[in-house]
N, C-alpha and C. Protein backbone atom coordinates (compact mmCIF):
# COMPACT_ATOMS: atom_id res chain seq x y z
N MET A 1 -14.72 -35.35 7.82
CA MET A 1 -13.64 -35.27 8.81
C MET A 1 -12.42 -34.57 8.22
N VAL A 2 -11.70 -33.87 9.09
CA VAL A 2 -10.45 -33.20 8.69
C VAL A 2 -9.31 -34.20 8.83
N ARG A 3 -8.62 -34.44 7.73
CA ARG A 3 -7.49 -35.39 7.73
C ARG A 3 -6.22 -34.64 8.15
N VAL A 4 -5.57 -35.15 9.20
CA VAL A 4 -4.44 -34.44 9.82
C VAL A 4 -3.17 -35.29 9.74
N PHE A 5 -2.05 -34.62 9.47
CA PHE A 5 -0.73 -35.26 9.44
C PHE A 5 0.19 -34.54 10.40
N ILE A 6 1.00 -35.29 11.15
CA ILE A 6 1.94 -34.70 12.12
C ILE A 6 3.37 -34.84 11.62
N ALA A 7 4.13 -33.74 11.64
CA ALA A 7 5.56 -33.77 11.32
C ALA A 7 6.32 -33.17 12.49
N ASP A 8 6.92 -34.03 13.31
CA ASP A 8 7.64 -33.59 14.51
C ASP A 8 8.61 -34.69 14.92
N ASP A 9 9.82 -34.31 15.33
CA ASP A 9 10.82 -35.33 15.64
C ASP A 9 10.79 -35.78 17.10
N HIS A 10 9.89 -35.25 17.91
CA HIS A 10 9.81 -35.64 19.32
C HIS A 10 8.69 -36.66 19.52
N PRO A 11 9.03 -37.93 19.82
CA PRO A 11 8.01 -38.98 19.98
C PRO A 11 6.98 -38.66 21.06
N VAL A 12 7.42 -38.06 22.16
CA VAL A 12 6.49 -37.75 23.25
C VAL A 12 5.48 -36.70 22.82
N PHE A 13 5.94 -35.70 22.08
CA PHE A 13 5.02 -34.66 21.61
C PHE A 13 4.04 -35.25 20.59
N ARG A 14 4.54 -36.11 19.70
CA ARG A 14 3.64 -36.76 18.73
C ARG A 14 2.59 -37.59 19.46
N PHE A 15 3.00 -38.29 20.53
CA PHE A 15 2.06 -39.10 21.30
C PHE A 15 0.96 -38.20 21.87
N GLY A 16 1.35 -37.05 22.41
CA GLY A 16 0.36 -36.13 22.96
C GLY A 16 -0.61 -35.63 21.91
N LEU A 17 -0.09 -35.33 20.73
CA LEU A 17 -0.96 -34.88 19.64
C LEU A 17 -1.90 -36.00 19.19
N ARG A 18 -1.38 -37.22 19.11
CA ARG A 18 -2.24 -38.35 18.74
C ARG A 18 -3.41 -38.49 19.70
N THR A 19 -3.10 -38.41 20.98
CA THR A 19 -4.14 -38.52 22.01
C THR A 19 -5.18 -37.41 21.86
N LEU A 20 -4.69 -36.20 21.62
CA LEU A 20 -5.58 -35.05 21.46
C LEU A 20 -6.49 -35.23 20.25
N LEU A 21 -5.92 -35.65 19.13
CA LEU A 21 -6.69 -35.79 17.90
C LEU A 21 -7.74 -36.89 18.02
N LYS A 22 -7.38 -37.99 18.69
CA LYS A 22 -8.32 -39.11 18.82
C LYS A 22 -9.54 -38.74 19.65
N ALA A 23 -9.39 -37.72 20.50
CA ALA A 23 -10.51 -37.29 21.35
C ALA A 23 -11.52 -36.44 20.59
N ASP A 24 -11.17 -36.02 19.37
CA ASP A 24 -12.07 -35.19 18.57
C ASP A 24 -12.60 -36.00 17.40
N PRO A 25 -13.88 -36.31 17.37
CA PRO A 25 -14.44 -37.16 16.31
C PRO A 25 -14.44 -36.51 14.93
N THR A 26 -14.17 -35.21 14.86
CA THR A 26 -14.16 -34.54 13.56
C THR A 26 -12.78 -34.57 12.90
N LEU A 27 -11.78 -35.11 13.62
CA LEU A 27 -10.41 -35.14 13.11
C LEU A 27 -9.95 -36.58 12.92
N LEU A 28 -9.15 -36.81 11.89
CA LEU A 28 -8.62 -38.15 11.61
C LEU A 28 -7.12 -38.04 11.34
N LEU A 29 -6.32 -38.68 12.18
CA LEU A 29 -4.86 -38.71 11.98
C LEU A 29 -4.54 -39.71 10.89
N VAL A 30 -3.89 -39.25 9.82
CA VAL A 30 -3.61 -40.14 8.69
C VAL A 30 -2.14 -40.53 8.57
N GLY A 31 -1.25 -39.87 9.35
CA GLY A 31 0.16 -40.23 9.25
C GLY A 31 1.05 -39.34 10.10
N GLU A 32 2.30 -39.78 10.25
CA GLU A 32 3.29 -39.04 11.04
C GLU A 32 4.65 -39.13 10.36
N ALA A 33 5.49 -38.13 10.64
CA ALA A 33 6.87 -38.13 10.16
C ALA A 33 7.76 -37.50 11.21
N ALA A 34 9.03 -37.91 11.25
CA ALA A 34 9.97 -37.40 12.23
C ALA A 34 10.96 -36.40 11.63
N ASN A 35 10.87 -36.15 10.31
CA ASN A 35 11.75 -35.16 9.68
C ASN A 35 11.10 -34.63 8.41
N GLY A 36 11.72 -33.61 7.85
CA GLY A 36 11.13 -32.96 6.69
C GLY A 36 11.02 -33.84 5.47
N GLU A 37 12.05 -34.64 5.20
CA GLU A 37 12.02 -35.51 4.02
C GLU A 37 10.88 -36.51 4.10
N GLU A 38 10.70 -37.13 5.27
CA GLU A 38 9.60 -38.08 5.44
C GLU A 38 8.25 -37.38 5.27
N ALA A 39 8.15 -36.18 5.81
CA ALA A 39 6.89 -35.44 5.73
C ALA A 39 6.52 -35.17 4.28
N ILE A 40 7.48 -34.72 3.47
CA ILE A 40 7.20 -34.42 2.07
C ILE A 40 6.71 -35.65 1.34
N ALA A 41 7.41 -36.77 1.52
CA ALA A 41 7.04 -38.00 0.82
C ALA A 41 5.66 -38.50 1.24
N GLN A 42 5.38 -38.51 2.55
CA GLN A 42 4.12 -39.05 3.02
C GLN A 42 2.93 -38.13 2.72
N VAL A 43 3.15 -36.83 2.84
CA VAL A 43 2.06 -35.89 2.53
C VAL A 43 1.70 -35.97 1.05
N SER A 44 2.71 -36.13 0.19
CA SER A 44 2.44 -36.27 -1.24
C SER A 44 1.59 -37.51 -1.51
N GLU A 45 1.79 -38.55 -0.73
CA GLU A 45 1.04 -39.80 -0.92
C GLU A 45 -0.33 -39.76 -0.26
N LEU A 46 -0.39 -39.18 0.96
CA LEU A 46 -1.63 -39.25 1.75
C LEU A 46 -2.58 -38.09 1.52
N SER A 47 -2.07 -36.96 1.06
CA SER A 47 -2.89 -35.76 0.81
C SER A 47 -3.80 -35.40 1.98
N PRO A 48 -3.22 -35.11 3.15
CA PRO A 48 -4.06 -34.68 4.28
C PRO A 48 -4.61 -33.28 4.04
N ASP A 49 -5.58 -32.90 4.86
CA ASP A 49 -6.11 -31.54 4.78
C ASP A 49 -5.21 -30.55 5.52
N VAL A 50 -4.68 -30.99 6.68
CA VAL A 50 -3.86 -30.13 7.53
C VAL A 50 -2.60 -30.87 7.94
N VAL A 51 -1.46 -30.18 7.87
CA VAL A 51 -0.20 -30.72 8.37
C VAL A 51 0.22 -29.91 9.58
N LEU A 52 0.48 -30.58 10.70
CA LEU A 52 1.02 -29.94 11.90
C LEU A 52 2.53 -30.05 11.80
N MET A 53 3.20 -28.92 11.60
CA MET A 53 4.61 -28.91 11.23
C MET A 53 5.50 -28.28 12.30
N ASP A 54 6.47 -29.05 12.79
CA ASP A 54 7.52 -28.49 13.65
C ASP A 54 8.54 -27.81 12.74
N LEU A 55 9.25 -26.81 13.26
CA LEU A 55 10.25 -26.12 12.44
C LEU A 55 11.64 -26.70 12.60
N ASN A 56 11.97 -27.17 13.80
CA ASN A 56 13.33 -27.65 14.07
C ASN A 56 13.33 -29.18 14.08
N MET A 57 13.72 -29.77 12.95
CA MET A 57 13.80 -31.21 12.83
C MET A 57 15.14 -31.59 12.21
N PRO A 58 15.64 -32.79 12.45
CA PRO A 58 16.91 -33.21 11.86
C PRO A 58 16.82 -33.26 10.35
N GLY A 59 17.94 -32.95 9.68
CA GLY A 59 17.93 -32.93 8.24
C GLY A 59 17.24 -31.68 7.73
N MET A 60 16.28 -31.84 6.85
CA MET A 60 15.55 -30.70 6.30
C MET A 60 14.67 -30.05 7.37
N ASN A 61 14.77 -28.73 7.51
CA ASN A 61 13.96 -28.04 8.52
C ASN A 61 12.52 -27.86 8.05
N GLY A 62 11.68 -27.42 8.97
CA GLY A 62 10.26 -27.30 8.68
C GLY A 62 9.94 -26.26 7.63
N ILE A 63 10.71 -25.18 7.57
CA ILE A 63 10.44 -24.12 6.58
C ILE A 63 10.57 -24.67 5.16
N GLU A 64 11.67 -25.37 4.91
CA GLU A 64 11.87 -25.94 3.57
C GLU A 64 10.85 -27.03 3.29
N ALA A 65 10.49 -27.79 4.30
CA ALA A 65 9.47 -28.83 4.12
C ALA A 65 8.12 -28.21 3.74
N ILE A 66 7.79 -27.09 4.36
CA ILE A 66 6.54 -26.39 4.03
C ILE A 66 6.56 -25.99 2.56
N ARG A 67 7.67 -25.40 2.11
CA ARG A 67 7.77 -24.95 0.72
C ARG A 67 7.57 -26.11 -0.25
N GLN A 68 8.25 -27.22 0.03
CA GLN A 68 8.19 -28.34 -0.90
C GLN A 68 6.84 -29.05 -0.87
N ILE A 69 6.25 -29.14 0.31
CA ILE A 69 4.91 -29.74 0.40
C ILE A 69 3.91 -28.94 -0.41
N LEU A 70 3.92 -27.62 -0.24
CA LEU A 70 2.95 -26.78 -0.93
C LEU A 70 3.23 -26.70 -2.43
N ALA A 71 4.49 -26.88 -2.82
CA ALA A 71 4.80 -26.91 -4.25
C ALA A 71 4.18 -28.14 -4.90
N ARG A 72 4.10 -29.23 -4.13
CA ARG A 72 3.54 -30.48 -4.67
C ARG A 72 2.03 -30.60 -4.40
N ARG A 73 1.60 -30.12 -3.25
CA ARG A 73 0.20 -30.23 -2.85
C ARG A 73 -0.29 -28.88 -2.32
N PRO A 74 -0.54 -27.93 -3.23
CA PRO A 74 -0.92 -26.57 -2.79
C PRO A 74 -2.23 -26.52 -2.03
N GLN A 75 -3.05 -27.56 -2.12
CA GLN A 75 -4.33 -27.57 -1.41
C GLN A 75 -4.18 -27.92 0.07
N VAL A 76 -2.98 -28.39 0.47
CA VAL A 76 -2.73 -28.74 1.87
C VAL A 76 -2.56 -27.47 2.70
N HIS A 77 -3.10 -27.46 3.92
CA HIS A 77 -2.97 -26.32 4.82
C HIS A 77 -1.98 -26.66 5.93
N ILE A 78 -1.05 -25.75 6.20
CA ILE A 78 0.01 -25.98 7.17
C ILE A 78 -0.21 -25.18 8.44
N LEU A 79 -0.17 -25.88 9.58
CA LEU A 79 -0.21 -25.23 10.89
C LEU A 79 1.10 -25.52 11.59
N VAL A 80 1.89 -24.49 11.85
CA VAL A 80 3.18 -24.66 12.54
C VAL A 80 2.95 -24.82 14.03
N LEU A 81 3.58 -25.83 14.62
CA LEU A 81 3.61 -26.03 16.08
C LEU A 81 5.07 -26.10 16.49
N THR A 82 5.55 -25.08 17.19
CA THR A 82 6.98 -24.98 17.44
C THR A 82 7.27 -24.29 18.76
N MET A 83 8.53 -24.39 19.20
CA MET A 83 8.98 -23.66 20.38
C MET A 83 9.50 -22.27 20.01
N PHE A 84 9.74 -22.03 18.72
CA PHE A 84 10.35 -20.78 18.29
C PHE A 84 9.32 -19.67 18.14
N ASP A 85 9.54 -18.56 18.84
CA ASP A 85 8.61 -17.43 18.74
C ASP A 85 9.29 -16.17 18.24
N ASP A 86 10.50 -16.31 17.65
CA ASP A 86 11.21 -15.13 17.15
C ASP A 86 10.60 -14.69 15.82
N ASP A 87 10.77 -13.41 15.50
CA ASP A 87 10.18 -12.85 14.29
C ASP A 87 10.67 -13.54 13.02
N ASP A 88 11.96 -13.89 12.98
CA ASP A 88 12.50 -14.51 11.78
C ASP A 88 11.79 -15.83 11.48
N SER A 89 11.56 -16.64 12.51
CA SER A 89 10.89 -17.93 12.31
C SER A 89 9.44 -17.72 11.88
N VAL A 90 8.76 -16.79 12.54
CA VAL A 90 7.35 -16.53 12.23
C VAL A 90 7.19 -16.09 10.79
N PHE A 91 7.96 -15.10 10.35
CA PHE A 91 7.79 -14.58 9.01
C PHE A 91 8.33 -15.53 7.95
N ALA A 92 9.35 -16.32 8.29
CA ALA A 92 9.83 -17.33 7.35
C ALA A 92 8.75 -18.37 7.10
N ALA A 93 8.06 -18.78 8.15
CA ALA A 93 6.97 -19.75 8.01
C ALA A 93 5.83 -19.16 7.20
N MET A 94 5.50 -17.90 7.43
CA MET A 94 4.44 -17.23 6.68
C MET A 94 4.79 -17.16 5.21
N ARG A 95 6.02 -16.76 4.91
CA ARG A 95 6.43 -16.64 3.52
C ARG A 95 6.47 -18.00 2.83
N ALA A 96 6.78 -19.04 3.59
CA ALA A 96 6.81 -20.38 3.02
C ALA A 96 5.40 -20.87 2.69
N GLY A 97 4.39 -20.29 3.35
CA GLY A 97 3.02 -20.66 3.04
C GLY A 97 2.20 -21.19 4.20
N ALA A 98 2.75 -21.19 5.42
CA ALA A 98 1.98 -21.66 6.58
C ALA A 98 0.79 -20.73 6.82
N LEU A 99 -0.33 -21.32 7.21
CA LEU A 99 -1.52 -20.53 7.50
C LEU A 99 -1.66 -20.21 8.99
N GLY A 100 -1.07 -21.05 9.84
CA GLY A 100 -1.20 -20.85 11.27
C GLY A 100 0.14 -21.04 11.97
N TYR A 101 0.25 -20.45 13.17
CA TYR A 101 1.51 -20.52 13.91
C TYR A 101 1.18 -20.57 15.40
N LEU A 102 1.33 -21.74 16.01
CA LEU A 102 1.10 -21.92 17.44
C LEU A 102 2.38 -22.32 18.13
N LEU A 103 2.51 -21.89 19.37
CA LEU A 103 3.66 -22.29 20.17
C LEU A 103 3.34 -23.58 20.91
N LYS A 104 4.33 -24.46 20.98
CA LYS A 104 4.14 -25.68 21.77
C LYS A 104 3.86 -25.27 23.21
N GLY A 105 2.97 -25.94 23.83
CA GLY A 105 2.53 -25.55 25.17
C GLY A 105 1.15 -24.95 25.14
N ALA A 106 0.64 -24.71 23.93
CA ALA A 106 -0.74 -24.22 23.81
C ALA A 106 -1.69 -25.28 24.36
N GLU A 107 -2.78 -24.86 24.95
CA GLU A 107 -3.75 -25.81 25.50
C GLU A 107 -4.38 -26.62 24.37
N GLY A 108 -4.84 -27.82 24.73
CA GLY A 108 -5.42 -28.71 23.74
C GLY A 108 -6.57 -28.08 22.98
N LYS A 109 -7.43 -27.37 23.70
CA LYS A 109 -8.58 -26.73 23.06
C LYS A 109 -8.13 -25.71 22.02
N GLU A 110 -7.08 -24.97 22.33
CA GLU A 110 -6.57 -23.97 21.40
C GLU A 110 -6.00 -24.64 20.15
N THR A 111 -5.30 -25.75 20.35
CA THR A 111 -4.72 -26.48 19.21
C THR A 111 -5.81 -27.05 18.32
N LEU A 112 -6.83 -27.65 18.91
CA LEU A 112 -7.94 -28.21 18.13
C LEU A 112 -8.67 -27.12 17.34
N GLN A 113 -8.88 -25.97 17.99
CA GLN A 113 -9.53 -24.86 17.30
C GLN A 113 -8.68 -24.38 16.12
N ALA A 114 -7.36 -24.31 16.33
CA ALA A 114 -6.46 -23.86 15.26
C ALA A 114 -6.50 -24.81 14.07
N ILE A 115 -6.56 -26.11 14.33
CA ILE A 115 -6.63 -27.09 13.25
C ILE A 115 -7.90 -26.87 12.43
N GLN A 116 -9.01 -26.67 13.11
CA GLN A 116 -10.28 -26.46 12.40
C GLN A 116 -10.24 -25.18 11.57
N VAL A 117 -9.69 -24.10 12.14
CA VAL A 117 -9.62 -22.83 11.42
C VAL A 117 -8.74 -22.95 10.18
N VAL A 118 -7.55 -23.54 10.36
CA VAL A 118 -6.62 -23.68 9.24
C VAL A 118 -7.21 -24.58 8.15
N SER A 119 -7.99 -25.58 8.54
CA SER A 119 -8.57 -26.51 7.56
C SER A 119 -9.51 -25.79 6.59
N THR A 120 -10.04 -24.64 7.00
CA THR A 120 -10.94 -23.87 6.14
C THR A 120 -10.19 -22.86 5.27
N GLY A 121 -8.86 -22.78 5.45
CA GLY A 121 -8.07 -21.84 4.67
C GLY A 121 -7.87 -20.50 5.33
N GLU A 122 -8.30 -20.36 6.58
CA GLU A 122 -8.11 -19.11 7.30
C GLU A 122 -6.83 -19.16 8.15
N ALA A 123 -6.34 -18.01 8.55
CA ALA A 123 -5.10 -17.92 9.33
C ALA A 123 -5.40 -17.82 10.82
N ILE A 124 -4.48 -18.36 11.65
CA ILE A 124 -4.62 -18.26 13.10
C ILE A 124 -3.24 -18.30 13.74
N PHE A 125 -3.09 -17.57 14.86
CA PHE A 125 -1.80 -17.48 15.53
C PHE A 125 -1.97 -17.55 17.04
N SER A 126 -0.91 -17.97 17.72
CA SER A 126 -0.89 -17.88 19.18
C SER A 126 -1.06 -16.42 19.57
N PRO A 127 -1.67 -16.15 20.74
CA PRO A 127 -1.90 -14.75 21.14
C PRO A 127 -0.64 -13.89 21.11
N ALA A 128 0.48 -14.43 21.58
CA ALA A 128 1.71 -13.64 21.60
C ALA A 128 2.18 -13.31 20.19
N ILE A 129 2.05 -14.28 19.29
CA ILE A 129 2.45 -14.06 17.90
C ILE A 129 1.50 -13.06 17.24
N ALA A 130 0.21 -13.21 17.49
CA ALA A 130 -0.79 -12.30 16.91
C ALA A 130 -0.54 -10.87 17.36
N GLY A 131 -0.15 -10.70 18.63
CA GLY A 131 0.13 -9.37 19.13
C GLY A 131 1.28 -8.70 18.40
N ARG A 132 2.33 -9.47 18.12
CA ARG A 132 3.47 -8.92 17.40
C ARG A 132 3.11 -8.60 15.95
N LEU A 133 2.30 -9.44 15.35
CA LEU A 133 1.87 -9.17 13.98
C LEU A 133 1.03 -7.90 13.91
N MET A 134 0.17 -7.71 14.91
CA MET A 134 -0.65 -6.50 14.95
C MET A 134 0.23 -5.26 15.07
N GLN A 135 1.28 -5.36 15.87
CA GLN A 135 2.20 -4.23 15.99
C GLN A 135 2.88 -3.94 14.66
N TYR A 136 3.28 -5.03 13.99
CA TYR A 136 3.98 -4.87 12.71
C TYR A 136 3.07 -4.23 11.67
N PHE A 137 1.86 -4.79 11.53
CA PHE A 137 0.96 -4.29 10.50
C PHE A 137 0.30 -2.98 10.91
N GLY A 138 0.34 -2.67 12.21
CA GLY A 138 -0.26 -1.43 12.67
C GLY A 138 0.67 -0.25 12.56
N ALA A 139 1.95 -0.49 12.28
CA ALA A 139 2.91 0.60 12.13
C ALA A 139 2.61 1.38 10.85
N PRO A 140 3.00 2.66 10.81
CA PRO A 140 2.75 3.44 9.59
C PRO A 140 3.38 2.77 8.38
N PRO A 141 2.61 2.53 7.33
CA PRO A 141 3.15 1.82 6.17
C PRO A 141 4.10 2.70 5.36
N PRO A 142 5.01 2.07 4.65
CA PRO A 142 5.89 2.85 3.78
C PRO A 142 5.10 3.44 2.63
N ARG A 143 5.58 4.56 2.08
CA ARG A 143 4.91 5.17 0.93
C ARG A 143 5.19 4.31 -0.30
N ALA A 144 4.20 4.17 -1.12
CA ALA A 144 4.34 3.34 -2.32
C ALA A 144 4.14 4.20 -3.56
N SER A 145 5.11 4.18 -4.45
CA SER A 145 4.99 4.96 -5.68
C SER A 145 4.17 4.23 -6.72
N GLN A 146 4.09 2.91 -6.62
CA GLN A 146 3.34 2.13 -7.58
C GLN A 146 2.78 0.91 -6.88
N ARG A 147 1.50 0.69 -6.96
CA ARG A 147 0.87 -0.42 -6.27
C ARG A 147 0.38 -1.47 -7.26
N PHE A 148 1.24 -2.39 -7.61
CA PHE A 148 0.88 -3.56 -8.41
C PHE A 148 0.11 -3.18 -9.67
N PRO A 149 0.77 -2.59 -10.66
CA PRO A 149 0.08 -2.17 -11.89
C PRO A 149 -0.54 -3.34 -12.66
N ALA A 150 -0.08 -4.57 -12.41
CA ALA A 150 -0.64 -5.72 -13.13
C ALA A 150 -2.05 -6.06 -12.64
N LEU A 151 -2.39 -5.58 -11.44
CA LEU A 151 -3.70 -5.88 -10.88
C LEU A 151 -4.76 -4.92 -11.41
N THR A 152 -5.98 -5.42 -11.53
CA THR A 152 -7.10 -4.54 -11.87
C THR A 152 -7.47 -3.72 -10.63
N GLU A 153 -8.29 -2.70 -10.82
CA GLU A 153 -8.71 -1.88 -9.68
C GLU A 153 -9.45 -2.71 -8.65
N ARG A 154 -10.31 -3.62 -9.11
CA ARG A 154 -11.05 -4.48 -8.19
C ARG A 154 -10.09 -5.41 -7.43
N GLU A 155 -9.10 -5.94 -8.13
CA GLU A 155 -8.14 -6.83 -7.47
C GLU A 155 -7.34 -6.07 -6.41
N ARG A 156 -7.03 -4.79 -6.68
CA ARG A 156 -6.33 -4.00 -5.67
C ARG A 156 -7.23 -3.77 -4.46
N GLU A 157 -8.52 -3.59 -4.69
CA GLU A 157 -9.46 -3.44 -3.58
C GLU A 157 -9.50 -4.71 -2.74
N VAL A 158 -9.55 -5.86 -3.40
CA VAL A 158 -9.57 -7.15 -2.69
C VAL A 158 -8.27 -7.34 -1.91
N LEU A 159 -7.14 -7.03 -2.53
CA LEU A 159 -5.85 -7.19 -1.86
C LEU A 159 -5.76 -6.28 -0.64
N ALA A 160 -6.25 -5.06 -0.75
CA ALA A 160 -6.21 -4.14 0.39
C ALA A 160 -7.03 -4.68 1.55
N LEU A 161 -8.18 -5.30 1.25
CA LEU A 161 -9.02 -5.87 2.32
C LEU A 161 -8.37 -7.11 2.92
N ILE A 162 -7.71 -7.90 2.09
CA ILE A 162 -6.95 -9.05 2.62
C ILE A 162 -5.89 -8.54 3.60
N ALA A 163 -5.19 -7.47 3.21
CA ALA A 163 -4.13 -6.93 4.05
C ALA A 163 -4.66 -6.38 5.37
N GLN A 164 -5.96 -6.01 5.38
CA GLN A 164 -6.58 -5.52 6.61
C GLN A 164 -7.17 -6.64 7.46
N GLY A 165 -7.01 -7.89 6.99
CA GLY A 165 -7.45 -9.03 7.78
C GLY A 165 -8.86 -9.52 7.50
N TYR A 166 -9.48 -9.03 6.42
CA TYR A 166 -10.84 -9.46 6.09
C TYR A 166 -10.84 -10.91 5.60
N THR A 167 -11.85 -11.69 5.99
CA THR A 167 -12.05 -13.03 5.45
C THR A 167 -12.71 -12.91 4.07
N ASN A 168 -12.76 -14.02 3.33
CA ASN A 168 -13.39 -14.01 2.02
C ASN A 168 -14.85 -13.55 2.11
N LEU A 169 -15.57 -14.07 3.11
CA LEU A 169 -16.97 -13.70 3.26
C LEU A 169 -17.13 -12.21 3.57
N ALA A 170 -16.25 -11.69 4.43
CA ALA A 170 -16.32 -10.27 4.77
C ALA A 170 -15.99 -9.40 3.56
N ILE A 171 -15.04 -9.85 2.73
CA ILE A 171 -14.72 -9.11 1.51
C ILE A 171 -15.92 -9.08 0.57
N ALA A 172 -16.58 -10.23 0.45
CA ALA A 172 -17.76 -10.32 -0.42
C ALA A 172 -18.83 -9.34 0.05
N GLU A 173 -19.05 -9.28 1.36
CA GLU A 173 -20.06 -8.37 1.90
C GLU A 173 -19.65 -6.92 1.71
N GLN A 174 -18.37 -6.63 1.91
CA GLN A 174 -17.88 -5.26 1.79
C GLN A 174 -18.00 -4.74 0.36
N LEU A 175 -17.69 -5.59 -0.63
CA LEU A 175 -17.69 -5.18 -2.03
C LEU A 175 -18.99 -5.52 -2.75
N VAL A 176 -19.91 -6.17 -2.03
CA VAL A 176 -21.21 -6.57 -2.58
C VAL A 176 -21.01 -7.45 -3.82
N ILE A 177 -20.21 -8.49 -3.67
CA ILE A 177 -19.99 -9.48 -4.71
C ILE A 177 -20.11 -10.86 -4.08
N SER A 178 -20.14 -11.90 -4.88
CA SER A 178 -20.31 -13.24 -4.35
C SER A 178 -18.99 -13.79 -3.81
N PRO A 179 -19.02 -14.71 -2.84
CA PRO A 179 -17.79 -15.34 -2.35
C PRO A 179 -17.01 -16.02 -3.46
N LYS A 180 -17.71 -16.60 -4.46
CA LYS A 180 -17.02 -17.23 -5.58
C LYS A 180 -16.22 -16.21 -6.37
N THR A 181 -16.79 -15.03 -6.56
CA THR A 181 -16.07 -13.97 -7.26
C THR A 181 -14.85 -13.54 -6.47
N VAL A 182 -14.98 -13.48 -5.16
CA VAL A 182 -13.83 -13.14 -4.30
C VAL A 182 -12.73 -14.17 -4.49
N ARG A 183 -13.10 -15.45 -4.47
CA ARG A 183 -12.10 -16.51 -4.65
C ARG A 183 -11.40 -16.40 -6.00
N ASN A 184 -12.17 -16.05 -7.04
CA ASN A 184 -11.57 -15.88 -8.36
C ASN A 184 -10.59 -14.72 -8.38
N HIS A 185 -10.97 -13.61 -7.73
CA HIS A 185 -10.06 -12.46 -7.66
C HIS A 185 -8.78 -12.83 -6.91
N ILE A 186 -8.91 -13.55 -5.80
CA ILE A 186 -7.74 -13.93 -5.00
C ILE A 186 -6.83 -14.85 -5.80
N SER A 187 -7.41 -15.78 -6.53
CA SER A 187 -6.60 -16.67 -7.38
C SER A 187 -5.82 -15.87 -8.41
N SER A 188 -6.46 -14.87 -9.00
CA SER A 188 -5.79 -14.02 -9.99
C SER A 188 -4.69 -13.18 -9.33
N ILE A 189 -4.97 -12.67 -8.14
CA ILE A 189 -3.97 -11.88 -7.40
C ILE A 189 -2.75 -12.73 -7.09
N PHE A 190 -2.97 -13.94 -6.58
CA PHE A 190 -1.85 -14.84 -6.26
C PHE A 190 -1.00 -15.08 -7.51
N SER A 191 -1.66 -15.31 -8.63
CA SER A 191 -0.94 -15.60 -9.87
C SER A 191 -0.12 -14.40 -10.32
N LYS A 192 -0.72 -13.21 -10.30
CA LYS A 192 -0.03 -12.01 -10.78
C LYS A 192 1.11 -11.59 -9.85
N LEU A 193 0.92 -11.81 -8.54
CA LEU A 193 1.97 -11.43 -7.58
C LEU A 193 2.98 -12.55 -7.36
N GLN A 194 2.70 -13.71 -7.95
CA GLN A 194 3.57 -14.88 -7.82
C GLN A 194 3.77 -15.25 -6.34
N VAL A 195 2.64 -15.34 -5.62
CA VAL A 195 2.65 -15.77 -4.24
C VAL A 195 1.80 -17.04 -4.13
N THR A 196 2.00 -17.79 -3.06
CA THR A 196 1.29 -19.06 -2.92
C THR A 196 0.40 -19.11 -1.69
N SER A 197 0.39 -18.04 -0.89
CA SER A 197 -0.42 -18.07 0.32
C SER A 197 -1.01 -16.69 0.61
N ARG A 198 -2.06 -16.69 1.39
CA ARG A 198 -2.72 -15.44 1.79
C ARG A 198 -1.76 -14.57 2.60
N LEU A 199 -0.99 -15.19 3.48
CA LEU A 199 -0.09 -14.41 4.32
C LEU A 199 1.05 -13.80 3.52
N GLU A 200 1.52 -14.51 2.50
CA GLU A 200 2.54 -13.94 1.64
C GLU A 200 1.98 -12.74 0.87
N ALA A 201 0.72 -12.83 0.46
CA ALA A 201 0.08 -11.71 -0.22
C ALA A 201 -0.03 -10.51 0.72
N ILE A 202 -0.34 -10.78 2.00
CA ILE A 202 -0.42 -9.70 3.00
C ILE A 202 0.93 -9.00 3.12
N LEU A 203 1.99 -9.78 3.18
CA LEU A 203 3.34 -9.19 3.29
C LEU A 203 3.69 -8.34 2.06
N ARG A 204 3.34 -8.84 0.88
CA ARG A 204 3.59 -8.07 -0.32
C ARG A 204 2.79 -6.78 -0.32
N ALA A 205 1.54 -6.86 0.12
CA ALA A 205 0.69 -5.67 0.18
C ALA A 205 1.26 -4.67 1.18
N ARG A 206 1.72 -5.19 2.32
CA ARG A 206 2.29 -4.32 3.35
C ARG A 206 3.54 -3.61 2.82
N ASP A 207 4.38 -4.33 2.12
CA ASP A 207 5.60 -3.74 1.58
C ASP A 207 5.29 -2.65 0.56
N ALA A 208 4.12 -2.75 -0.07
CA ALA A 208 3.72 -1.76 -1.07
C ALA A 208 2.91 -0.61 -0.48
N GLY A 209 2.74 -0.63 0.86
CA GLY A 209 2.04 0.46 1.50
C GLY A 209 0.54 0.28 1.57
N MET A 210 0.05 -0.94 1.37
CA MET A 210 -1.38 -1.20 1.45
C MET A 210 -1.71 -1.80 2.80
N GLY A 211 -2.97 -1.68 3.20
CA GLY A 211 -3.39 -2.31 4.46
C GLY A 211 -3.32 -1.34 5.62
């Protein structure tokens, strides 16, 4: 079962999520928090697989909570559920390490699917958010005079495929290597680029003219 934690300051919204999660036998709600500080403390103790994170909460906001949670529990996957659809919020959440970004109001089926996808380490976005990301990444990239000299040639190939949206399995098939080797390359890339998430790596690659 996928262990899920909710961080949201609206009791009615949390109630709706609880009801939704209980209807899916593959999901288990392990805890809730109404602000960022509570979320950090409880996630550190409970170690859920997925955290459903609101961005606008009293006290510490969701962006900072994401950073601190992943600093303590990097294996946790974050799915943002928020009313904010502006670019600043989306990219701030991505840079903080969130894997998914859904707008509140998404249908229950869409939310459940997003939880399952994020639990596997893959990224997912609301259609409107995905459309804007496609526009951003589809724009002509800036010219790069130097593309991560610390990376090996193979690591640059893997990073370029990540930036193009390839999954680990698709990268393995494209480069004719094992998925385990792909994971090892990605771990090395994250370390050398000093990033903590796949989406942050995508942004770094994009800034360097890759993808």
